[in-house]
């Protein structure tokens, strides 16, 4: 079941009363109650980085329409099957991936975690959005969580890519690489 906008509004109101938010630990967006912003946040939380099916759906229908297509009624599958069977299959498979994470409590817990870690949410319409992400097309991230100076996102950098099911040794080595590179002043990007 999709997180209701009302649940997210209540959670955002609760976060705005948090003294850390008032002190600037998390830049709660001025447009955070805009349904399109909330829908983008939900998409960012339920998809893996680079999910081209979600990206294509959001590009075609906007974040709100994409949520309705993916999770409302028959999920839009009935309308798609007649015209584009591969798209219907991709949507059906996407719904299976996304449904496990579609939870208002999870979304709000993520925002609370952002407050604790002094993290901001950056959307494609923000001036600091890195223009090079457009090269990724439907695989571009729908939002970015940011700690630090947003200008670093447009700087030359490198990415350390791993696996969600990485070994403790792999995590240790990736941490060592990231720490040393950051210590040298290099920008390190992560899918996170």
N, C-alpha and C. Protein backbone atom coordinates (compact mmCIF):
# COMPACT_ATOMS: atom_id res chain seq x y z
N UNK A 1 0.83 -1.16 0.00
CA UNK A 1 0.00 0.00 0.00
C UNK A 1 0.88 1.23 0.00
N UNK A 2 0.54 2.21 -0.82
CA UNK A 2 1.37 3.42 -0.95
C UNK A 2 1.27 4.27 0.30
N UNK A 3 2.38 4.90 0.69
CA UNK A 3 2.32 5.82 1.82
C UNK A 3 1.35 6.94 1.47
N UNK A 4 0.47 7.28 2.38
CA UNK A 4 -0.46 8.36 2.08
C UNK A 4 0.26 9.69 2.22
N UNK A 5 -0.16 10.64 1.41
CA UNK A 5 0.41 11.97 1.47
C UNK A 5 0.16 12.55 2.86
N UNK A 6 -1.01 12.25 3.45
CA UNK A 6 -1.32 12.76 4.79
C UNK A 6 -0.32 12.24 5.82
N UNK A 7 0.06 10.95 5.74
CA UNK A 7 1.04 10.40 6.67
C UNK A 7 2.38 11.11 6.51
N UNK A 8 2.78 11.35 5.28
CA UNK A 8 4.05 12.04 5.04
C UNK A 8 4.00 13.49 5.50
N UNK A 9 2.85 14.15 5.32
CA UNK A 9 2.71 15.52 5.80
C UNK A 9 2.86 15.56 7.32
N UNK A 10 2.20 14.63 8.02
CA UNK A 10 2.30 14.60 9.49
C UNK A 10 3.75 14.37 9.90
N UNK A 11 4.42 13.46 9.23
CA UNK A 11 5.81 13.19 9.54
C UNK A 11 6.70 14.39 9.29
N UNK A 12 6.47 15.10 8.18
CA UNK A 12 7.25 16.30 7.89
C UNK A 12 7.00 17.38 8.94
N UNK A 13 5.74 17.52 9.36
CA UNK A 13 5.43 18.51 10.40
C UNK A 13 6.16 18.17 11.69
N UNK A 14 6.19 16.89 12.04
CA UNK A 14 6.91 16.45 13.23
C UNK A 14 8.41 16.77 13.09
N UNK A 15 8.97 16.51 11.92
CA UNK A 15 10.38 16.80 11.69
C UNK A 15 10.67 18.29 11.78
N UNK A 16 9.76 19.12 11.28
CA UNK A 16 9.99 20.57 11.32
C UNK A 16 10.07 21.08 12.76
N UNK A 17 9.42 20.38 13.70
CA UNK A 17 9.47 20.78 15.11
C UNK A 17 10.75 20.32 15.79
N UNK A 18 11.49 19.43 15.15
CA UNK A 18 12.74 18.93 15.72
C UNK A 18 13.74 20.09 15.79
N UNK A 19 14.34 20.34 16.97
CA UNK A 19 15.28 21.47 17.08
C UNK A 19 16.45 21.37 16.10
N UNK A 20 16.88 20.15 15.76
CA UNK A 20 18.00 20.01 14.83
C UNK A 20 17.62 20.51 13.44
N UNK A 21 16.35 20.35 13.08
CA UNK A 21 15.89 20.85 11.79
C UNK A 21 15.88 22.37 11.81
N UNK A 22 15.36 22.94 12.89
CA UNK A 22 15.32 24.40 13.01
C UNK A 22 16.72 24.99 13.00
N UNK A 23 17.69 24.24 13.50
CA UNK A 23 19.07 24.71 13.52
C UNK A 23 19.78 24.47 12.19
N UNK A 24 19.08 23.88 11.23
CA UNK A 24 19.65 23.73 9.91
C UNK A 24 20.33 22.40 9.64
N UNK A 25 20.14 21.40 10.53
CA UNK A 25 20.77 20.10 10.30
C UNK A 25 20.24 19.45 9.04
N UNK A 26 18.98 19.63 8.75
CA UNK A 26 18.39 19.12 7.51
C UNK A 26 17.65 20.27 6.86
N UNK A 27 17.98 20.51 5.62
CA UNK A 27 17.28 21.57 4.91
C UNK A 27 15.97 21.01 4.39
N UNK A 28 14.93 21.11 5.23
CA UNK A 28 13.61 20.67 4.77
C UNK A 28 13.22 21.61 3.64
N UNK A 29 12.91 21.04 2.53
CA UNK A 29 12.64 21.80 1.32
C UNK A 29 11.42 22.69 1.50
N UNK A 30 11.48 23.88 0.95
CA UNK A 30 10.33 24.78 1.00
C UNK A 30 9.13 24.15 0.30
N UNK A 31 9.40 23.31 -0.69
CA UNK A 31 8.32 22.67 -1.45
C UNK A 31 8.08 21.23 -1.00
N UNK A 32 8.48 20.90 0.24
CA UNK A 32 8.41 19.51 0.69
C UNK A 32 6.99 18.97 0.76
N UNK A 33 6.00 19.85 0.84
CA UNK A 33 4.63 19.37 0.89
C UNK A 33 4.01 19.26 -0.50
N UNK A 34 4.72 19.68 -1.52
CA UNK A 34 4.25 19.53 -2.90
C UNK A 34 4.12 18.04 -3.20
N UNK A 35 2.95 17.59 -3.65
CA UNK A 35 2.78 16.16 -3.92
C UNK A 35 3.82 15.58 -4.89
N UNK A 36 4.29 16.39 -5.85
CA UNK A 36 5.30 15.88 -6.78
C UNK A 36 6.63 15.65 -6.06
N UNK A 37 6.97 16.52 -5.10
CA UNK A 37 8.21 16.34 -4.33
C UNK A 37 8.08 15.09 -3.46
N UNK A 38 6.92 14.93 -2.80
CA UNK A 38 6.72 13.74 -1.98
C UNK A 38 6.78 12.47 -2.83
N UNK A 39 6.17 12.51 -4.02
CA UNK A 39 6.20 11.34 -4.90
C UNK A 39 7.63 11.03 -5.34
N UNK A 40 8.42 12.06 -5.62
CA UNK A 40 9.83 11.84 -6.00
C UNK A 40 10.59 11.21 -4.84
N UNK A 41 10.34 11.69 -3.63
CA UNK A 41 10.96 11.11 -2.45
C UNK A 41 10.60 9.63 -2.32
N UNK A 42 9.33 9.32 -2.51
CA UNK A 42 8.90 7.92 -2.43
C UNK A 42 9.61 7.08 -3.48
N UNK A 43 9.65 7.57 -4.73
CA UNK A 43 10.34 6.82 -5.79
C UNK A 43 11.81 6.60 -5.43
N UNK A 44 12.44 7.64 -4.88
CA UNK A 44 13.85 7.52 -4.51
C UNK A 44 14.05 6.45 -3.45
N UNK A 45 13.09 6.31 -2.55
CA UNK A 45 13.22 5.33 -1.47
C UNK A 45 12.88 3.90 -1.89
N UNK A 46 12.03 3.74 -2.89
CA UNK A 46 11.61 2.39 -3.25
C UNK A 46 12.40 1.78 -4.40
N UNK A 47 13.22 2.57 -5.07
CA UNK A 47 13.95 2.04 -6.22
C UNK A 47 15.44 1.94 -5.93
N UNK A 48 16.07 1.05 -6.65
CA UNK A 48 17.52 0.94 -6.63
C UNK A 48 18.09 2.02 -7.54
N UNK A 49 19.31 2.48 -7.28
CA UNK A 49 19.93 3.42 -8.21
C UNK A 49 19.98 2.83 -9.62
N UNK A 50 19.65 3.65 -10.61
CA UNK A 50 19.74 3.21 -12.00
C UNK A 50 18.56 2.40 -12.50
N UNK A 51 17.46 2.35 -11.76
CA UNK A 51 16.28 1.57 -12.17
C UNK A 51 15.64 2.25 -13.37
N UNK A 52 15.94 1.74 -14.56
CA UNK A 52 15.46 2.33 -15.80
C UNK A 52 13.95 2.22 -15.99
N UNK A 53 13.33 1.20 -15.42
CA UNK A 53 11.87 1.07 -15.53
C UNK A 53 11.20 2.20 -14.77
N UNK A 54 11.64 2.43 -13.53
CA UNK A 54 11.09 3.52 -12.73
C UNK A 54 11.40 4.86 -13.40
N UNK A 55 12.61 5.02 -13.90
CA UNK A 55 12.99 6.27 -14.55
C UNK A 55 12.12 6.57 -15.76
N UNK A 56 11.88 5.56 -16.58
CA UNK A 56 11.04 5.75 -17.77
C UNK A 56 9.61 6.09 -17.37
N UNK A 57 9.11 5.43 -16.33
CA UNK A 57 7.76 5.68 -15.86
C UNK A 57 7.63 7.11 -15.33
N UNK A 58 8.59 7.56 -14.54
CA UNK A 58 8.56 8.93 -14.00
C UNK A 58 8.72 9.95 -15.12
N UNK A 59 9.58 9.67 -16.09
CA UNK A 59 9.76 10.60 -17.21
C UNK A 59 8.46 10.72 -18.01
N UNK A 60 7.79 9.60 -18.23
CA UNK A 60 6.58 9.61 -19.06
C UNK A 60 5.37 10.20 -18.34
N UNK A 61 5.23 9.92 -17.04
CA UNK A 61 4.00 10.27 -16.34
C UNK A 61 4.17 11.29 -15.22
N UNK A 62 5.41 11.67 -14.93
CA UNK A 62 5.66 12.50 -13.75
C UNK A 62 5.66 11.61 -12.52
N UNK A 63 6.24 12.09 -11.41
CA UNK A 63 6.36 11.22 -10.24
C UNK A 63 5.02 10.78 -9.66
N UNK A 64 4.03 11.68 -9.62
CA UNK A 64 2.72 11.30 -9.07
C UNK A 64 2.00 10.31 -9.98
N UNK A 65 1.97 10.59 -11.28
CA UNK A 65 1.31 9.68 -12.22
C UNK A 65 1.98 8.32 -12.25
N UNK A 66 3.31 8.31 -12.11
CA UNK A 66 4.05 7.05 -12.09
C UNK A 66 3.68 6.21 -10.87
N UNK A 67 3.53 6.87 -9.70
CA UNK A 67 3.10 6.12 -8.51
C UNK A 67 1.71 5.53 -8.72
N UNK A 68 0.82 6.32 -9.30
CA UNK A 68 -0.54 5.83 -9.55
C UNK A 68 -0.52 4.65 -10.52
N UNK A 69 0.28 4.77 -11.56
CA UNK A 69 0.39 3.69 -12.55
C UNK A 69 0.96 2.43 -11.92
N UNK A 70 1.98 2.61 -11.08
CA UNK A 70 2.66 1.45 -10.50
C UNK A 70 1.87 0.82 -9.37
N UNK A 71 1.14 1.63 -8.60
CA UNK A 71 0.53 1.09 -7.38
C UNK A 71 -0.96 1.35 -7.25
N UNK A 72 -1.56 2.08 -8.17
CA UNK A 72 -2.99 2.35 -8.08
C UNK A 72 -3.78 1.36 -8.91
N UNK A 73 -4.90 0.93 -8.38
CA UNK A 73 -5.79 0.04 -9.13
C UNK A 73 -5.06 -1.17 -9.67
N UNK A 74 -5.14 -1.37 -10.99
CA UNK A 74 -4.44 -2.51 -11.59
C UNK A 74 -3.00 -2.14 -11.91
N UNK A 75 -2.57 -0.98 -11.43
CA UNK A 75 -1.19 -0.55 -11.65
C UNK A 75 -0.92 -0.14 -13.08
N UNK A 76 -1.97 0.10 -13.86
CA UNK A 76 -1.76 0.52 -15.23
C UNK A 76 -1.40 -0.62 -16.16
N UNK A 77 -1.27 -1.83 -15.62
CA UNK A 77 -0.84 -2.96 -16.44
C UNK A 77 -1.88 -3.31 -17.49
N UNK A 78 -3.15 -3.27 -17.12
CA UNK A 78 -4.21 -3.61 -18.07
C UNK A 78 -4.14 -2.76 -19.32
N UNK A 79 -3.90 -1.47 -19.15
CA UNK A 79 -3.82 -0.56 -20.30
C UNK A 79 -2.57 -0.81 -21.13
N UNK A 80 -1.50 -1.22 -20.49
CA UNK A 80 -0.25 -1.41 -21.22
C UNK A 80 -0.21 -2.72 -22.00
N UNK A 81 -0.81 -3.77 -21.48
CA UNK A 81 -0.68 -5.08 -22.12
C UNK A 81 -1.18 -5.09 -23.55
N UNK A 82 -2.24 -4.38 -23.82
CA UNK A 82 -2.80 -4.42 -25.17
C UNK A 82 -1.84 -3.82 -26.19
N UNK A 83 -1.10 -2.81 -25.79
CA UNK A 83 -0.24 -2.11 -26.74
C UNK A 83 1.23 -2.53 -26.68
N UNK A 84 1.73 -2.69 -25.49
CA UNK A 84 3.17 -2.89 -25.33
C UNK A 84 3.44 -3.98 -24.29
N UNK A 85 3.45 -5.22 -24.73
CA UNK A 85 3.65 -6.33 -23.79
C UNK A 85 4.97 -6.25 -23.03
N UNK A 86 6.11 -5.90 -23.65
CA UNK A 86 7.35 -5.81 -22.86
C UNK A 86 7.27 -4.76 -21.75
N UNK A 87 6.60 -3.64 -22.02
CA UNK A 87 6.46 -2.61 -20.99
C UNK A 87 5.62 -3.13 -19.83
N UNK A 88 4.57 -3.89 -20.13
CA UNK A 88 3.73 -4.45 -19.07
C UNK A 88 4.52 -5.44 -18.23
N UNK A 89 5.34 -6.25 -18.86
CA UNK A 89 6.17 -7.22 -18.14
C UNK A 89 7.19 -6.49 -17.25
N UNK A 90 7.81 -5.46 -17.81
CA UNK A 90 8.79 -4.68 -17.03
C UNK A 90 8.11 -4.01 -15.84
N UNK A 91 6.90 -3.48 -16.03
CA UNK A 91 6.17 -2.83 -14.95
C UNK A 91 5.81 -3.86 -13.88
N UNK A 92 5.35 -5.02 -14.30
CA UNK A 92 4.99 -6.08 -13.34
C UNK A 92 6.20 -6.48 -12.50
N UNK A 93 7.35 -6.65 -13.14
CA UNK A 93 8.58 -7.01 -12.43
C UNK A 93 9.03 -5.87 -11.52
N UNK A 94 8.89 -4.63 -12.01
CA UNK A 94 9.23 -3.47 -11.19
C UNK A 94 8.39 -3.39 -9.94
N UNK A 95 7.08 -3.61 -10.08
CA UNK A 95 6.19 -3.57 -8.91
C UNK A 95 6.64 -4.56 -7.84
N UNK A 96 7.11 -5.72 -8.25
CA UNK A 96 7.58 -6.70 -7.27
C UNK A 96 8.79 -6.16 -6.50
N UNK A 97 9.70 -5.51 -7.23
CA UNK A 97 10.89 -4.94 -6.57
C UNK A 97 10.51 -3.79 -5.65
N UNK A 98 9.63 -2.92 -6.10
CA UNK A 98 9.33 -1.70 -5.37
C UNK A 98 8.41 -1.91 -4.19
N UNK A 99 7.50 -2.87 -4.30
CA UNK A 99 6.47 -3.05 -3.26
C UNK A 99 7.05 -3.32 -1.88
N UNK A 100 8.15 -4.05 -1.82
CA UNK A 100 8.73 -4.39 -0.52
C UNK A 100 9.18 -3.14 0.25
N UNK A 101 9.47 -2.07 -0.45
CA UNK A 101 9.96 -0.85 0.21
C UNK A 101 8.92 0.26 0.30
N UNK A 102 7.74 0.02 -0.21
CA UNK A 102 6.72 1.07 -0.26
C UNK A 102 6.01 1.15 1.08
N UNK A 103 6.53 1.98 1.97
CA UNK A 103 6.04 2.03 3.34
C UNK A 103 6.27 3.44 3.89
N UNK A 104 5.20 4.07 4.40
CA UNK A 104 5.31 5.43 4.93
C UNK A 104 6.27 5.50 6.11
N UNK A 105 6.24 4.49 6.97
CA UNK A 105 7.14 4.49 8.13
C UNK A 105 8.59 4.47 7.68
N UNK A 106 8.88 3.69 6.63
CA UNK A 106 10.24 3.63 6.09
C UNK A 106 10.65 5.00 5.54
N UNK A 107 9.74 5.64 4.80
CA UNK A 107 10.04 6.96 4.24
C UNK A 107 10.34 7.97 5.34
N UNK A 108 9.51 7.97 6.37
CA UNK A 108 9.73 8.92 7.47
C UNK A 108 10.98 8.57 8.27
N UNK A 109 11.26 7.30 8.44
CA UNK A 109 12.49 6.91 9.14
C UNK A 109 13.70 7.37 8.34
N UNK A 110 13.61 7.32 7.02
CA UNK A 110 14.71 7.81 6.18
C UNK A 110 14.92 9.30 6.38
N UNK A 111 13.83 10.05 6.46
CA UNK A 111 13.95 11.49 6.70
C UNK A 111 14.51 11.76 8.09
N UNK A 112 14.10 10.98 9.08
CA UNK A 112 14.66 11.16 10.43
C UNK A 112 16.16 10.85 10.42
N UNK A 113 16.55 9.83 9.67
CA UNK A 113 17.98 9.51 9.54
C UNK A 113 18.73 10.65 8.88
N UNK A 114 18.08 11.31 7.92
CA UNK A 114 18.70 12.45 7.26
C UNK A 114 18.92 13.59 8.25
N UNK A 115 17.98 13.78 9.16
CA UNK A 115 18.15 14.81 10.19
C UNK A 115 19.35 14.47 11.06
N UNK A 116 19.42 13.21 11.50
CA UNK A 116 20.53 12.80 12.38
C UNK A 116 21.89 12.96 11.71
N UNK A 117 21.95 12.70 10.42
CA UNK A 117 23.24 12.73 9.71
C UNK A 117 23.50 14.03 8.96
N UNK A 118 22.63 15.03 9.18
CA UNK A 118 22.78 16.34 8.53
C UNK A 118 22.80 16.21 7.00
N UNK A 119 21.80 15.53 6.48
CA UNK A 119 21.71 15.23 5.06
C UNK A 119 20.57 16.01 4.43
N UNK A 120 20.76 16.46 3.21
CA UNK A 120 19.73 17.19 2.47
C UNK A 120 19.29 16.38 1.26
N UNK A 121 18.07 16.62 0.83
CA UNK A 121 17.52 15.97 -0.37
C UNK A 121 17.66 16.93 -1.54
N UNK A 122 18.29 16.47 -2.60
CA UNK A 122 18.50 17.27 -3.80
C UNK A 122 17.70 16.65 -4.94
N UNK A 123 16.92 17.47 -5.64
CA UNK A 123 16.07 17.01 -6.74
C UNK A 123 16.57 17.58 -8.06
N UNK A 124 16.18 16.95 -9.18
CA UNK A 124 16.66 17.42 -10.49
C UNK A 124 16.38 18.89 -10.79
N UNK A 125 15.33 19.45 -10.21
CA UNK A 125 15.02 20.86 -10.49
C UNK A 125 15.87 21.83 -9.66
N UNK A 126 16.68 21.32 -8.73
CA UNK A 126 17.54 22.18 -7.92
C UNK A 126 18.71 22.71 -8.74
N UNK A 127 19.11 23.97 -8.49
CA UNK A 127 20.24 24.54 -9.24
C UNK A 127 21.54 23.75 -9.06
N UNK A 128 21.72 23.09 -7.93
CA UNK A 128 22.97 22.35 -7.67
C UNK A 128 22.96 20.95 -8.29
N UNK A 129 21.86 20.56 -8.95
CA UNK A 129 21.79 19.22 -9.55
C UNK A 129 22.90 19.08 -10.60
N UNK A 130 23.69 18.00 -10.53
CA UNK A 130 24.79 17.84 -11.50
C UNK A 130 24.26 17.59 -12.92
N UNK A 131 24.57 18.47 -13.87
CA UNK A 131 24.03 18.33 -15.23
C UNK A 131 24.49 17.05 -15.93
N UNK A 132 25.64 16.50 -15.53
CA UNK A 132 26.14 15.30 -16.20
C UNK A 132 25.24 14.08 -15.97
N UNK A 133 24.35 14.14 -14.97
CA UNK A 133 23.45 13.00 -14.73
C UNK A 133 22.44 12.83 -15.86
N UNK A 134 22.19 13.88 -16.62
CA UNK A 134 21.27 13.78 -17.75
C UNK A 134 21.75 12.74 -18.76
N UNK A 135 23.06 12.50 -18.81
CA UNK A 135 23.62 11.50 -19.73
C UNK A 135 23.10 10.09 -19.43
N UNK A 136 22.59 9.88 -18.22
CA UNK A 136 22.12 8.55 -17.83
C UNK A 136 20.70 8.26 -18.30
N UNK A 137 20.01 9.26 -18.82
CA UNK A 137 18.65 9.06 -19.32
C UNK A 137 17.73 8.50 -18.25
N UNK A 138 17.00 7.44 -18.62
CA UNK A 138 16.05 6.83 -17.68
C UNK A 138 16.74 6.17 -16.49
N UNK A 139 18.04 6.01 -16.55
CA UNK A 139 18.78 5.39 -15.45
C UNK A 139 19.35 6.42 -14.46
N UNK A 140 19.08 7.71 -14.71
CA UNK A 140 19.56 8.76 -13.81
C UNK A 140 18.84 8.66 -12.47
N UNK A 141 19.50 9.05 -11.39
CA UNK A 141 18.82 9.03 -10.10
C UNK A 141 17.65 10.01 -10.09
N UNK A 142 16.63 9.69 -9.32
CA UNK A 142 15.46 10.56 -9.22
C UNK A 142 15.67 11.64 -8.17
N UNK A 143 16.60 11.41 -7.26
CA UNK A 143 16.96 12.37 -6.22
C UNK A 143 18.32 11.96 -5.68
N UNK A 144 18.97 12.89 -5.01
CA UNK A 144 20.25 12.60 -4.37
C UNK A 144 20.17 13.03 -2.90
N UNK A 145 20.76 12.25 -2.04
CA UNK A 145 20.93 12.63 -0.64
C UNK A 145 22.32 13.23 -0.54
N UNK A 146 22.42 14.39 0.06
CA UNK A 146 23.66 15.15 0.03
C UNK A 146 24.11 15.53 1.44
N UNK A 147 25.37 15.28 1.71
CA UNK A 147 26.04 15.80 2.90
C UNK A 147 27.23 16.59 2.40
N UNK A 148 27.34 17.82 2.83
CA UNK A 148 28.48 18.62 2.40
C UNK A 148 28.11 19.65 1.36
N UNK A 149 29.10 20.08 0.63
CA UNK A 149 28.98 21.15 -0.34
C UNK A 149 28.44 20.62 -1.67
N UNK A 150 27.28 21.11 -2.08
CA UNK A 150 26.64 20.65 -3.32
C UNK A 150 27.49 20.94 -4.55
N UNK A 151 28.39 21.91 -4.48
CA UNK A 151 29.24 22.23 -5.64
C UNK A 151 30.15 21.06 -5.98
N UNK A 152 30.45 20.22 -5.00
CA UNK A 152 31.32 19.06 -5.26
C UNK A 152 30.68 18.08 -6.24
N UNK A 153 29.34 18.11 -6.36
CA UNK A 153 28.66 17.19 -7.26
C UNK A 153 28.99 17.45 -8.72
N UNK A 154 29.38 18.66 -9.04
CA UNK A 154 29.72 19.00 -10.42
C UNK A 154 31.21 18.92 -10.67
N UNK A 155 31.98 18.60 -9.65
CA UNK A 155 33.43 18.48 -9.79
C UNK A 155 33.77 17.11 -10.37
N UNK A 156 34.95 17.02 -10.93
CA UNK A 156 35.42 15.71 -11.40
C UNK A 156 35.62 14.81 -10.19
N UNK A 157 35.26 13.58 -10.31
CA UNK A 157 35.39 12.66 -9.19
C UNK A 157 35.43 11.24 -9.66
N UNK A 158 35.29 10.34 -8.73
CA UNK A 158 35.27 8.92 -9.06
C UNK A 158 34.25 8.23 -8.19
N UNK A 159 33.84 7.06 -8.60
CA UNK A 159 32.84 6.29 -7.86
C UNK A 159 33.47 4.99 -7.40
N UNK A 160 33.07 4.56 -6.23
CA UNK A 160 33.46 3.25 -5.73
C UNK A 160 32.18 2.43 -5.72
N UNK A 161 32.14 1.42 -6.55
CA UNK A 161 30.94 0.62 -6.75
C UNK A 161 31.15 -0.75 -6.13
N UNK A 162 30.15 -1.20 -5.39
CA UNK A 162 30.25 -2.50 -4.74
C UNK A 162 28.95 -3.25 -4.87
N UNK A 163 28.66 -4.03 -3.86
CA UNK A 163 27.45 -4.85 -3.85
C UNK A 163 26.75 -4.68 -2.52
N UNK A 164 25.42 -4.74 -2.53
CA UNK A 164 24.67 -4.65 -1.27
C UNK A 164 24.98 -5.84 -0.37
N UNK A 165 25.34 -6.96 -0.94
CA UNK A 165 25.65 -8.16 -0.16
C UNK A 165 27.16 -8.35 -0.10
N UNK A 166 27.88 -7.26 0.14
CA UNK A 166 29.33 -7.34 0.14
C UNK A 166 29.85 -8.04 1.39
N UNK A 167 31.06 -8.54 1.29
CA UNK A 167 31.70 -9.17 2.44
C UNK A 167 32.23 -8.08 3.37
N UNK A 168 32.52 -8.45 4.60
CA UNK A 168 33.08 -7.46 5.52
C UNK A 168 34.44 -6.98 5.02
N UNK A 169 35.21 -7.88 4.39
CA UNK A 169 36.50 -7.48 3.84
C UNK A 169 36.30 -6.47 2.70
N UNK A 170 35.34 -6.72 1.82
CA UNK A 170 35.05 -5.80 0.72
C UNK A 170 34.64 -4.43 1.24
N UNK A 171 33.81 -4.40 2.29
CA UNK A 171 33.42 -3.14 2.89
C UNK A 171 34.63 -2.42 3.49
N UNK A 172 35.50 -3.17 4.13
CA UNK A 172 36.70 -2.58 4.73
C UNK A 172 37.59 -1.94 3.65
N UNK A 173 37.84 -2.69 2.57
CA UNK A 173 38.70 -2.19 1.50
C UNK A 173 38.07 -0.96 0.84
N UNK A 174 36.76 -1.00 0.58
CA UNK A 174 36.08 0.16 -0.03
C UNK A 174 36.18 1.37 0.89
N UNK A 175 36.03 1.15 2.19
CA UNK A 175 36.16 2.24 3.15
C UNK A 175 37.56 2.84 3.17
N UNK A 176 38.55 1.97 3.09
CA UNK A 176 39.94 2.44 3.04
C UNK A 176 40.19 3.28 1.79
N UNK A 177 39.74 2.76 0.63
CA UNK A 177 39.90 3.52 -0.62
C UNK A 177 39.23 4.89 -0.51
N UNK A 178 37.96 4.89 -0.07
CA UNK A 178 37.20 6.14 0.01
C UNK A 178 37.87 7.12 0.96
N UNK A 179 38.31 6.64 2.10
CA UNK A 179 38.96 7.52 3.07
C UNK A 179 40.24 8.13 2.55
N UNK A 180 41.05 7.32 1.92
CA UNK A 180 42.32 7.83 1.38
C UNK A 180 42.08 8.82 0.25
N UNK A 181 41.15 8.50 -0.65
CA UNK A 181 40.87 9.41 -1.77
C UNK A 181 40.28 10.72 -1.28
N UNK A 182 39.34 10.64 -0.34
CA UNK A 182 38.75 11.87 0.21
C UNK A 182 39.81 12.68 0.95
N UNK A 183 40.71 11.99 1.64
CA UNK A 183 41.80 12.68 2.34
C UNK A 183 42.71 13.44 1.39
N UNK A 184 42.80 12.98 0.15
CA UNK A 184 43.59 13.66 -0.88
C UNK A 184 42.80 14.78 -1.56
N UNK A 185 41.55 14.98 -1.10
CA UNK A 185 40.73 16.04 -1.68
C UNK A 185 39.94 15.64 -2.90
N UNK A 186 39.89 14.36 -3.20
CA UNK A 186 39.11 13.91 -4.37
C UNK A 186 37.65 13.72 -3.96
N UNK A 187 36.77 13.93 -4.95
CA UNK A 187 35.35 13.74 -4.72
C UNK A 187 35.04 12.26 -4.97
N UNK A 188 34.42 11.61 -3.98
CA UNK A 188 34.06 10.20 -4.10
C UNK A 188 32.55 10.11 -4.14
N UNK A 189 32.02 9.53 -5.21
CA UNK A 189 30.58 9.34 -5.35
C UNK A 189 30.22 7.92 -4.95
N UNK A 190 29.02 7.77 -4.40
CA UNK A 190 28.56 6.45 -3.99
C UNK A 190 27.09 6.31 -4.33
N UNK A 191 26.68 5.11 -4.74
CA UNK A 191 25.27 4.83 -4.96
C UNK A 191 24.53 4.70 -3.66
N UNK A 192 25.24 4.44 -2.59
CA UNK A 192 24.78 4.49 -1.21
C UNK A 192 23.71 3.59 -0.79
